[in-house]
């Protein structure tokens, strides 16, 4: 499954919509995705599974890249 992660670059940074970044990660669950990126120091706001039409829409973006972190 592919998950979209909304995050701030620093754990100490207050979530502000204009500064929110996103990335896509393969994983079996939202919990696994959070564990995979825990060492990066991100302030994770939300992890959302991306499927169906939503995934197709996201794939149209030229910056669409899926990270495969072990």
PDB file of N, CA and C in Angstrom:
ATOM      1  N   UNK A   1       0.827  -1.179   0.000  1.00  0.00           N
ATOM      2  CA  UNK A   1       0.000   0.000   0.000  1.00  0.00           C
ATOM      3  C   UNK A   1       0.875   1.247   0.000  1.00  0.00           C
ATOM      4  N   UNK A   2       0.333   2.300  -0.505  1.00  0.00           N
ATOM      5  CA  UNK A   2       1.052   3.578  -0.540  1.00  0.00           C
ATOM      6  C   UNK A   2       0.361   4.537   0.424  1.00  0.00           C
ATOM      7  N   UNK A   3       1.178   5.227   1.211  1.00  0.00           N
ATOM      8  CA  UNK A   3       0.661   6.189   2.185  1.00  0.00           C
ATOM      9  C   UNK A   3       1.225   7.567   1.894  1.00  0.00           C
ATOM     10  N   UNK A   4       0.387   8.573   2.086  1.00  0.00           N
ATOM     11  CA  UNK A   4       0.805   9.970   1.958  1.00  0.00           C
ATOM     12  C   UNK A   4       1.011  10.503   3.368  1.00  0.00           C
ATOM     13  N   UNK A   5       2.192  11.052   3.611  1.00  0.00           N
ATOM     14  CA  UNK A   5       2.551  11.557   4.933  1.00  0.00           C
ATOM     15  C   UNK A   5       2.624  13.082   4.868  1.00  0.00           C
ATOM     16  N   UNK A   6       1.874  13.740   5.732  1.00  0.00           N
ATOM     17  CA  UNK A   6       1.915  15.196   5.866  1.00  0.00           C
ATOM     18  C   UNK A   6       2.799  15.494   7.072  1.00  0.00           C
ATOM     19  N   UNK A   7       3.802  16.352   6.895  1.00  0.00           N
ATOM     20  CA  UNK A   7       4.754  16.576   7.978  1.00  0.00           C
ATOM     21  C   UNK A   7       5.385  17.960   7.934  1.00  0.00           C
ATOM     22  N   UNK A   8       5.983  18.342   9.069  1.00  0.00           N
ATOM     23  CA  UNK A   8       6.847  19.517   9.168  1.00  0.00           C
ATOM     24  C   UNK A   8       8.272  18.975   9.254  1.00  0.00           C
ATOM     25  N   UNK A   9       9.246  19.704   8.750  1.00  0.00           N
ATOM     26  CA  UNK A   9      10.608  19.186   8.699  1.00  0.00           C
ATOM     27  C   UNK A   9      11.271  19.021  10.056  1.00  0.00           C
ATOM     28  N   UNK A  10      10.802  19.727  11.061  1.00  0.00           N
ATOM     29  CA  UNK A  10      11.418  19.646  12.384  1.00  0.00           C
ATOM     30  C   UNK A  10      10.371  19.265  13.424  1.00  0.00           C
ATOM     31  N   UNK A  11      10.758  18.405  14.350  1.00  0.00           N
ATOM     32  CA  UNK A  11       9.852  17.979  15.408  1.00  0.00           C
ATOM     33  C   UNK A  11       9.427  19.153  16.284  1.00  0.00           C
ATOM     34  N   UNK A  12      10.256  20.187  16.356  1.00  0.00           N
ATOM     35  CA  UNK A  12       9.945  21.345  17.191  1.00  0.00           C
ATOM     36  C   UNK A  12       9.108  22.392  16.447  1.00  0.00           C
ATOM     37  N   UNK A  13       8.887  22.187  15.162  1.00  0.00           N
ATOM     38  CA  UNK A  13       8.136  23.145  14.350  1.00  0.00           C
ATOM     39  C   UNK A  13       6.634  22.956  14.553  1.00  0.00           C
ATOM     40  N   UNK A  14       5.948  24.051  14.787  1.00  0.00           N
ATOM     41  CA  UNK A  14       4.498  24.021  14.958  1.00  0.00           C
ATOM     42  C   UNK A  14       3.850  23.798  13.587  1.00  0.00           C
ATOM     43  N   UNK A  15       2.878  22.894  13.490  1.00  0.00           N
ATOM     44  CA  UNK A  15       2.234  22.657  12.199  1.00  0.00           C
ATOM     45  C   UNK A  15       1.521  23.898  11.668  1.00  0.00           C
ATOM     46  N   UNK A  16       1.932  24.324  10.498  1.00  0.00           N
ATOM     47  CA  UNK A  16       1.320  25.447   9.794  1.00  0.00           C
ATOM     48  C   UNK A  16       1.056  24.962   8.371  1.00  0.00           C
ATOM     49  N   UNK A  17      -0.165  25.108   7.930  1.00  0.00           N
ATOM     50  CA  UNK A  17      -0.564  24.571   6.626  1.00  0.00           C
ATOM     51  C   UNK A  17       0.390  24.974   5.498  1.00  0.00           C
ATOM     52  N   UNK A  18       0.823  26.213   5.476  1.00  0.00           N
ATOM     53  CA  UNK A  18       1.692  26.702   4.406  1.00  0.00           C
ATOM     54  C   UNK A  18       3.065  26.049   4.417  1.00  0.00           C
ATOM     55  N   UNK A  19       3.494  25.507   5.551  1.00  0.00           N
ATOM     56  CA  UNK A  19       4.809  24.881   5.659  1.00  0.00           C
ATOM     57  C   UNK A  19       4.751  23.360   5.629  1.00  0.00           C
ATOM     58  N   UNK A  20       3.560  22.802   5.509  1.00  0.00           N
ATOM     59  CA  UNK A  20       3.400  21.351   5.510  1.00  0.00           C
ATOM     60  C   UNK A  20       3.950  20.763   4.218  1.00  0.00           C
ATOM     61  N   UNK A  21       4.744  19.726   4.363  1.00  0.00           N
ATOM     62  CA  UNK A  21       5.308  19.011   3.218  1.00  0.00           C
ATOM     63  C   UNK A  21       4.677  17.625   3.174  1.00  0.00           C
ATOM     64  N   UNK A  22       4.796  16.976   2.022  1.00  0.00           N
ATOM     65  CA  UNK A  22       4.247  15.631   1.879  1.00  0.00           C
ATOM     66  C   UNK A  22       5.278  14.709   1.249  1.00  0.00           C
ATOM     67  N   UNK A  23       5.136  13.430   1.551  1.00  0.00           N
ATOM     68  CA  UNK A  23       5.912  12.408   0.871  1.00  0.00           C
ATOM     69  C   UNK A  23       5.076  11.142   0.813  1.00  0.00           C
ATOM     70  N   UNK A  24       5.437  10.263  -0.103  1.00  0.00           N
ATOM     71  CA  UNK A  24       4.720   9.013  -0.289  1.00  0.00           C
ATOM     72  C   UNK A  24       5.648   7.869   0.072  1.00  0.00           C
ATOM     73  N   UNK A  25       5.122   6.919   0.840  1.00  0.00           N
ATOM     74  CA  UNK A  25       5.924   5.795   1.319  1.00  0.00           C
ATOM     75  C   UNK A  25       5.120   4.507   1.168  1.00  0.00           C
ATOM     76  N   UNK A  26       5.819   3.446   0.746  1.00  0.00           N
ATOM     77  CA  UNK A  26       5.191   2.128   0.712  1.00  0.00           C
ATOM     78  C   UNK A  26       5.264   1.521   2.098  1.00  0.00           C
ATOM     79  N   UNK A  27       4.177   0.874   2.504  1.00  0.00           N
ATOM     80  CA  UNK A  27       4.148   0.210   3.795  1.00  0.00           C
ATOM     81  C   UNK A  27       2.904  -0.642   3.938  1.00  0.00           C
ATOM     82  N   UNK A  28       2.889  -1.490   4.956  1.00  0.00           N
ATOM     83  CA  UNK A  28       1.741  -2.360   5.206  1.00  0.00           C
ATOM     84  C   UNK A  28       0.674  -1.691   6.059  1.00  0.00           C
ATOM     85  N   UNK A  29       1.072  -0.665   6.833  1.00  0.00           N
ATOM     86  CA  UNK A  29       0.119   0.032   7.698  1.00  0.00           C
ATOM     87  C   UNK A  29       0.630   1.435   7.989  1.00  0.00           C
ATOM     88  N   UNK A  30      -0.262   2.288   8.483  1.00  0.00           N
ATOM     89  CA  UNK A  30       0.140   3.646   8.854  1.00  0.00           C
ATOM     90  C   UNK A  30       1.162   3.597   9.985  1.00  0.00           C
ATOM     91  N   UNK A  31       0.998   2.650  10.888  1.00  0.00           N
ATOM     92  CA  UNK A  31       1.940   2.515  11.999  1.00  0.00           C
ATOM     93  C   UNK A  31       3.344   2.167  11.490  1.00  0.00           C
ATOM     94  N   UNK A  32       3.424   1.248  10.545  1.00  0.00           N
ATOM     95  CA  UNK A  32       4.718   0.872   9.971  1.00  0.00           C
ATOM     96  C   UNK A  32       5.384   2.075   9.293  1.00  0.00           C
ATOM     97  N   UNK A  33       4.598   2.876   8.596  1.00  0.00           N
ATOM     98  CA  UNK A  33       5.136   4.068   7.931  1.00  0.00           C
ATOM     99  C   UNK A  33       5.710   5.029   8.965  1.00  0.00           C
ATOM    100  N   UNK A  34       4.986   5.249  10.051  1.00  0.00           N
ATOM    101  CA  UNK A  34       5.485   6.130  11.118  1.00  0.00           C
ATOM    102  C   UNK A  34       6.791   5.603  11.707  1.00  0.00           C
ATOM    103  N   UNK A  35       6.903   4.304  11.865  1.00  0.00           N
ATOM    104  CA  UNK A  35       8.134   3.698  12.392  1.00  0.00           C
ATOM    105  C   UNK A  35       9.288   3.895  11.410  1.00  0.00           C
ATOM    106  N   UNK A  36       9.012   3.730  10.118  1.00  0.00           N
ATOM    107  CA  UNK A  36      10.049   3.876   9.096  1.00  0.00           C
ATOM    108  C   UNK A  36      10.657   5.279   9.066  1.00  0.00           C
ATOM    109  N   UNK A  37       9.849   6.314   9.342  1.00  0.00           N
ATOM    110  CA  UNK A  37      10.365   7.688   9.252  1.00  0.00           C
ATOM    111  C   UNK A  37      10.666   8.297  10.624  1.00  0.00           C
ATOM    112  N   UNK A  38      10.566   7.515  11.671  1.00  0.00           N
ATOM    113  CA  UNK A  38      10.770   8.025  13.032  1.00  0.00           C
ATOM    114  C   UNK A  38      12.160   8.628  13.231  1.00  0.00           C
ATOM    115  N   UNK A  39      13.174   8.073  12.592  1.00  0.00           N
ATOM    116  CA  UNK A  39      14.547   8.557  12.787  1.00  0.00           C
ATOM    117  C   UNK A  39      14.865   9.827  11.997  1.00  0.00           C
ATOM    118  N   UNK A  40      13.957  10.317  11.209  1.00  0.00           N
ATOM    119  CA  UNK A  40      14.199  11.514  10.381  1.00  0.00           C
ATOM    120  C   UNK A  40      13.902  12.824  11.103  1.00  0.00           C
ATOM    121  N   UNK A  41      13.280  12.769  12.263  1.00  0.00           N
ATOM    122  CA  UNK A  41      13.017  13.980  13.034  1.00  0.00           C
ATOM    123  C   UNK A  41      11.876  14.822  12.512  1.00  0.00           C
ATOM    124  N   UNK A  42      10.967  14.226  11.751  1.00  0.00           N
ATOM    125  CA  UNK A  42       9.823  14.949  11.220  1.00  0.00           C
ATOM    126  C   UNK A  42       8.734  15.078  12.278  1.00  0.00           C
ATOM    127  N   UNK A  43       7.982  16.168  12.209  1.00  0.00           N
ATOM    128  CA  UNK A  43       6.770  16.331  13.006  1.00  0.00           C
ATOM    129  C   UNK A  43       5.616  15.861  12.121  1.00  0.00           C
ATOM    130  N   UNK A  44       5.232  14.600  12.253  1.00  0.00           N
ATOM    131  CA  UNK A  44       4.216  14.003  11.390  1.00  0.00           C
ATOM    132  C   UNK A  44       2.836  14.459  11.842  1.00  0.00           C
ATOM    133  N   UNK A  45       2.114  15.069  10.919  1.00  0.00           N
ATOM    134  CA  UNK A  45       0.759  15.538  11.201  1.00  0.00           C
ATOM    135  C   UNK A  45      -0.276  14.456  10.940  1.00  0.00           C
ATOM    136  N   UNK A  46      -0.122  13.764   9.793  1.00  0.00           N
ATOM    137  CA  UNK A  46      -1.160  12.841   9.375  1.00  0.00           C
ATOM    138  C   UNK A  46      -0.578  11.838   8.392  1.00  0.00           C
ATOM    139  N   UNK A  47      -1.012  10.578   8.485  1.00  0.00           N
ATOM    140  CA  UNK A  47      -0.627   9.531   7.537  1.00  0.00           C
ATOM    141  C   UNK A  47      -1.916   8.996   6.933  1.00  0.00           C
ATOM    142  N   UNK A  48      -2.006   9.031   5.601  1.00  0.00           N
ATOM    143  CA  UNK A  48      -3.234   8.671   4.908  1.00  0.00           C
ATOM    144  C   UNK A  48      -2.954   7.644   3.814  1.00  0.00           C
ATOM    145  N   UNK A  49      -3.736   6.577   3.795  1.00  0.00           N
ATOM    146  CA  UNK A  49      -3.606   5.586   2.724  1.00  0.00           C
ATOM    147  C   UNK A  49      -4.125   6.187   1.425  1.00  0.00           C
ATOM    148  N   UNK A  50      -3.391   5.942   0.330  1.00  0.00           N
ATOM    149  CA  UNK A  50      -3.752   6.490  -0.977  1.00  0.00           C
ATOM    150  C   UNK A  50      -4.105   5.327  -1.900  1.00  0.00           C
ATOM    151  N   UNK A  51      -5.354   5.295  -2.371  1.00  0.00           N
ATOM    152  CA  UNK A  51      -5.809   4.222  -3.255  1.00  0.00           C
ATOM    153  C   UNK A  51      -6.746   4.780  -4.316  1.00  0.00           C
ATOM    154  N   UNK A  52      -7.027   3.949  -5.289  1.00  0.00           N
ATOM    155  CA  UNK A  52      -8.035   4.258  -6.310  1.00  0.00           C
ATOM    156  C   UNK A  52      -7.808   5.555  -7.059  1.00  0.00           C
ATOM    157  N   UNK A  53      -8.884   6.318  -7.203  1.00  0.00           N
ATOM    158  CA  UNK A  53      -8.845   7.573  -7.957  1.00  0.00           C
ATOM    159  C   UNK A  53      -7.905   8.586  -7.312  1.00  0.00           C
ATOM    160  N   UNK A  54      -7.820   8.561  -5.981  1.00  0.00           N
ATOM    161  CA  UNK A  54      -6.913   9.475  -5.275  1.00  0.00           C
ATOM    162  C   UNK A  54      -5.467   9.188  -5.661  1.00  0.00           C
ATOM    163  N   UNK A  55      -5.091   7.905  -5.747  1.00  0.00           N
ATOM    164  CA  UNK A  55      -3.743   7.522  -6.152  1.00  0.00           C
ATOM    165  C   UNK A  55      -3.493   7.917  -7.604  1.00  0.00           C
ATOM    166  N   UNK A  56      -4.453   7.683  -8.475  1.00  0.00           N
ATOM    167  CA  UNK A  56      -4.307   8.060  -9.884  1.00  0.00           C
ATOM    168  C   UNK A  56      -4.085   9.560 -10.025  1.00  0.00           C
ATOM    169  N   UNK A  57      -4.826  10.344  -9.256  1.00  0.00           N
ATOM    170  CA  UNK A  57      -4.672  11.799  -9.286  1.00  0.00           C
ATOM    171  C   UNK A  57      -3.266  12.200  -8.834  1.00  0.00           C
ATOM    172  N   UNK A  58      -2.796  11.629  -7.740  1.00  0.00           N
ATOM    173  CA  UNK A  58      -1.469  11.960  -7.213  1.00  0.00           C
ATOM    174  C   UNK A  58      -0.366  11.558  -8.190  1.00  0.00           C
ATOM    175  N   UNK A  59      -0.540  10.446  -8.897  1.00  0.00           N
ATOM    176  CA  UNK A  59       0.468   9.970  -9.845  1.00  0.00           C
ATOM    177  C   UNK A  59       0.616  10.904 -11.043  1.00  0.00           C
ATOM    178  N   UNK A  60      -0.364  11.738 -11.316  1.00  0.00           N
ATOM    179  CA  UNK A  60      -0.283  12.691 -12.422  1.00  0.00           C
ATOM    180  C   UNK A  60       0.677  13.840 -12.127  1.00  0.00           C
ATOM    181  N   UNK A  61       0.974  14.068 -10.856  1.00  0.00           N
ATOM    182  CA  UNK A  61       1.894  15.129 -10.459  1.00  0.00           C
ATOM    183  C   UNK A  61       3.312  14.726 -10.849  1.00  0.00           C
ATOM    184  N   UNK A  62       4.038  15.619 -11.497  1.00  0.00           N
ATOM    185  CA  UNK A  62       5.398  15.300 -11.944  1.00  0.00           C
ATOM    186  C   UNK A  62       6.361  15.049 -10.786  1.00  0.00           C
ATOM    187  N   UNK A  63       6.044  15.532  -9.583  1.00  0.00           N
ATOM    188  CA  UNK A  63       6.904  15.323  -8.429  1.00  0.00           C
ATOM    189  C   UNK A  63       6.547  14.063  -7.638  1.00  0.00           C
ATOM    190  N   UNK A  64       5.643  13.239  -8.149  1.00  0.00           N
ATOM    191  CA  UNK A  64       5.209  12.030  -7.459  1.00  0.00           C
ATOM    192  C   UNK A  64       6.338  11.009  -7.418  1.00  0.00           C
ATOM    193  N   UNK A  65       6.787  10.675  -6.210  1.00  0.00           N
ATOM    194  CA  UNK A  65       7.820   9.653  -5.997  1.00  0.00           C
ATOM    195  C   UNK A  65       7.441   8.876  -4.756  1.00  0.00           C
ATOM    196  N   UNK A  66       7.570   7.569  -4.819  1.00  0.00           N
ATOM    197  CA  UNK A  66       7.254   6.714  -3.676  1.00  0.00           C
ATOM    198  C   UNK A  66       8.554   6.231  -3.074  1.00  0.00           C
ATOM    199  N   UNK A  67       8.756   6.502  -1.775  1.00  0.00           N
ATOM    200  CA  UNK A  67       9.943   6.034  -1.071  1.00  0.00           C
ATOM    201  C   UNK A  67       9.722   4.603  -0.601  1.00  0.00           C
ATOM    202  N   UNK A  68      10.733   3.785  -0.761  1.00  0.00           N
ATOM    203  CA  UNK A  68      10.687   2.414  -0.265  1.00  0.00           C
ATOM    204  C   UNK A  68      11.754   2.302   0.820  1.00  0.00           C
ATOM    205  N   UNK A  69      11.384   2.564   2.036  1.00  0.00           N
ATOM    206  CA  UNK A  69      12.302   2.539   3.182  1.00  0.00           C
ATOM    207  C   UNK A  69      12.144   1.202   3.868  1.00  0.00           C
ATOM    208  N   UNK A  70      13.238   0.570   4.150  1.00  0.00           N
ATOM    209  CA  UNK A  70      13.199  -0.728   4.859  1.00  0.00           C
ATOM    210  C   UNK A  70      13.357  -0.543   6.331  1.00  0.00           C
TER     211      UNK A  70
END
